Amino acid sequence: MNIGAAAKASGVSTKMIRHYESVGLLPPANRTNAGYRLYGDKDIRTLQFIRRSRDLGFSIEEIRGLVGLWQDSTRPSREVKALAKQHLDYLDRKLEELQSMKNALSHLVHCCNGDERPDCPILERLAGKEI
C-alpha cells in the first residue's frame, strides 16, 4: 500500500511515517519504479506499535529499544519491564513537577485581585520579586 493508505491504516500521519523512516524506527520502504513508497502489513504493525508507544509518552530512543525488544522473540521480559519501569519513574517525576507548578500558579492566582489596579502578584513573581 502507498504512504497515504499506510497512514490511514496505522493512524500515523504521512509526515511522521517519513520521519520514523528517516530516524530508523521503520525500515526504508520498498519503492515502485516511479519511486513511490510501498508498505506491507509488517510495516503497518510496526507503525501501530510506534503510535501506541508514543501515546504512552515514550521517547524516540525508548521506542527504538522497545521495537528491538518486540522484534526479538528471544528477549527476556525483564528487559521490557525495566524499560517500562524507567519510563514510569520518569512520568512520576514529571507529575510531581507539574503538581508543583500547578500549586505555585494556583497560589499566585489566589493572591491576585484581578481588578482595575495595576499591581499584580503574578507579574511581580515572574519578575523575580517575592510576594
Protein backbone atom coordinates (compact mmCIF):
# COMPACT_ATOMS: atom_id res chain seq x y z
CA MET A 1 0.00 0.00 0.00
CA ASN A 2 1.13 3.58 -0.57
CA ILE A 3 2.03 6.01 2.20
CA GLY A 4 -1.47 7.53 2.36
CA ALA A 5 -3.09 4.14 2.84
CA ALA A 6 -0.41 3.19 5.38
CA ALA A 7 -1.10 6.38 7.29
CA LYS A 8 -4.81 5.65 7.38
CA ALA A 9 -4.32 2.00 8.36
CA SER A 10 -1.81 2.79 11.12
CA GLY A 11 -3.16 6.06 12.50
CA VAL A 12 0.22 7.72 11.86
CA SER A 13 0.48 10.76 9.60
CA THR A 14 2.44 10.55 6.36
CA LYS A 15 4.86 13.15 7.74
CA MET A 16 5.56 11.02 10.81
CA ILE A 17 5.92 7.86 8.71
CA ARG A 18 8.66 9.61 6.73
CA HIS A 19 10.23 10.82 9.98
CA TYR A 20 10.20 7.36 11.58
CA GLU A 21 11.80 6.01 8.43
CA SER A 22 14.46 8.74 8.47
CA VAL A 23 15.40 8.06 12.12
CA GLY A 24 15.49 4.31 11.59
CA LEU A 25 12.43 3.26 13.59
CA LEU A 26 10.87 1.95 10.42
CA PRO A 27 12.99 0.25 7.76
CA PRO A 28 13.24 2.07 4.42
CA ALA A 29 10.13 1.35 2.39
CA ASN A 30 10.23 -0.59 -0.81
CA ARG A 31 9.72 1.66 -3.80
CA THR A 32 7.82 1.38 -7.04
CA ASN A 33 9.59 2.06 -10.33
CA ALA A 34 8.20 5.58 -10.08
CA GLY A 35 9.73 6.00 -6.61
CA TYR A 36 6.56 5.77 -4.53
CA ARG A 37 6.88 4.16 -1.12
CA LEU A 38 5.19 0.80 -0.58
CA TYR A 39 4.28 -0.56 2.84
CA GLY A 40 3.21 -4.04 3.88
CA ASP A 41 1.34 -5.49 6.82
CA LYS A 42 4.53 -5.78 8.90
CA ASP A 43 5.20 -2.07 8.39
CA ILE A 44 1.65 -1.22 9.47
CA ARG A 45 2.01 -3.31 12.65
CA THR A 46 5.32 -1.55 13.38
CA LEU A 47 3.73 1.87 12.83
CA GLN A 48 0.85 0.95 15.14
CA PHE A 49 3.36 -0.23 17.76
CA ILE A 50 5.23 3.09 17.45
CA ARG A 51 2.00 5.09 17.68
CA ARG A 52 0.89 3.25 20.82
CA SER A 53 4.33 3.76 22.33
CA ARG A 54 4.18 7.48 21.56
CA ASP A 55 0.70 7.62 23.10
CA LEU A 56 2.30 6.40 26.34
CA GLY A 57 4.93 9.14 26.11
CA PHE A 58 7.96 7.04 25.22
CA SER A 59 10.77 8.93 23.52
CA ILE A 60 12.10 8.01 20.09
CA GLU A 61 15.12 6.33 21.67
CA GLU A 62 12.95 4.41 24.12
CA ILE A 63 10.74 3.31 21.24
CA ARG A 64 13.82 2.20 19.34
CA GLY A 65 14.63 -0.07 22.27
CA LEU A 66 11.04 -1.31 22.54
CA VAL A 67 10.82 -2.07 18.83
CA GLY A 68 14.07 -4.01 19.06
CA LEU A 69 12.76 -6.00 22.02
CA TRP A 70 9.42 -6.57 20.31
CA GLN A 71 11.11 -7.91 17.21
CA ASP A 72 13.42 -10.20 19.22
CA SER A 73 11.38 -13.26 20.13
CA THR A 74 14.20 -14.48 22.42
CA ARG A 75 14.27 -11.36 24.60
CA PRO A 76 13.69 -11.76 28.32
CA SER A 77 10.62 -9.87 29.50
CA ARG A 78 12.66 -8.35 32.35
CA GLU A 79 14.32 -6.07 29.76
CA VAL A 80 10.93 -4.84 28.59
CA LYS A 81 9.75 -4.35 32.16
CA ALA A 82 12.93 -2.46 33.07
CA LEU A 83 12.47 -0.07 30.18
CA ALA A 84 8.79 0.44 31.01
CA LYS A 85 9.61 0.92 34.72
CA GLN A 86 12.24 3.51 33.86
CA HIS A 87 9.66 5.42 31.81
CA LEU A 88 7.09 5.10 34.59
CA ASP A 89 9.59 6.59 37.07
CA TYR A 90 10.19 9.47 34.63
CA LEU A 91 6.43 10.07 34.37
CA ASP A 92 6.14 10.08 38.17
CA ARG A 93 8.84 12.76 38.38
CA LYS A 94 7.11 14.81 35.67
CA LEU A 95 3.81 14.54 37.54
CA GLU A 96 5.48 15.84 40.71
CA GLU A 97 6.97 18.74 38.76
CA LEU A 98 3.62 19.56 37.16
CA GLN A 99 1.86 19.40 40.53
CA SER A 100 4.46 21.75 41.99
CA MET A 101 3.97 24.20 39.10
CA LYS A 102 0.20 23.97 39.48
CA ASN A 103 0.40 24.67 43.22
CA ALA A 104 2.68 27.67 42.69
CA LEU A 105 0.48 29.12 39.96
CA SER A 106 -2.67 28.43 41.94
CA HIS A 107 -1.19 30.39 44.85
CA LEU A 108 -0.33 33.30 42.56
CA VAL A 109 -3.81 33.34 41.01
CA HIS A 110 -5.30 33.33 44.50
CA CYS A 111 -3.10 36.27 45.53
CA CYS A 112 -4.07 38.39 42.51
CA ASN A 113 -7.14 40.58 42.96
CA GLY A 114 -7.80 40.65 39.24
CA ASP A 115 -9.26 44.14 39.50
CA GLU A 116 -8.62 47.54 37.89
CA ARG A 117 -5.44 48.20 39.86
CA PRO A 118 -2.12 47.72 38.07
CA ASP A 119 -0.39 45.78 40.86
CA CYS A 120 -0.32 42.08 40.12
CA PRO A 121 1.44 39.46 42.24
CA ILE A 122 1.60 37.10 39.25
CA LEU A 123 3.70 39.56 37.23
CA GLU A 124 5.72 40.54 40.30
CA ARG A 125 6.68 36.90 40.94
CA LEU A 126 7.54 36.35 37.28
CA ALA A 127 9.75 39.44 37.51
CA GLY A 128 11.60 37.85 40.43
CA LYS A 129 10.01 39.63 43.36
CA GLU A 130 8.94 37.71 46.42
CA ILE A 131 5.29 38.09 47.27
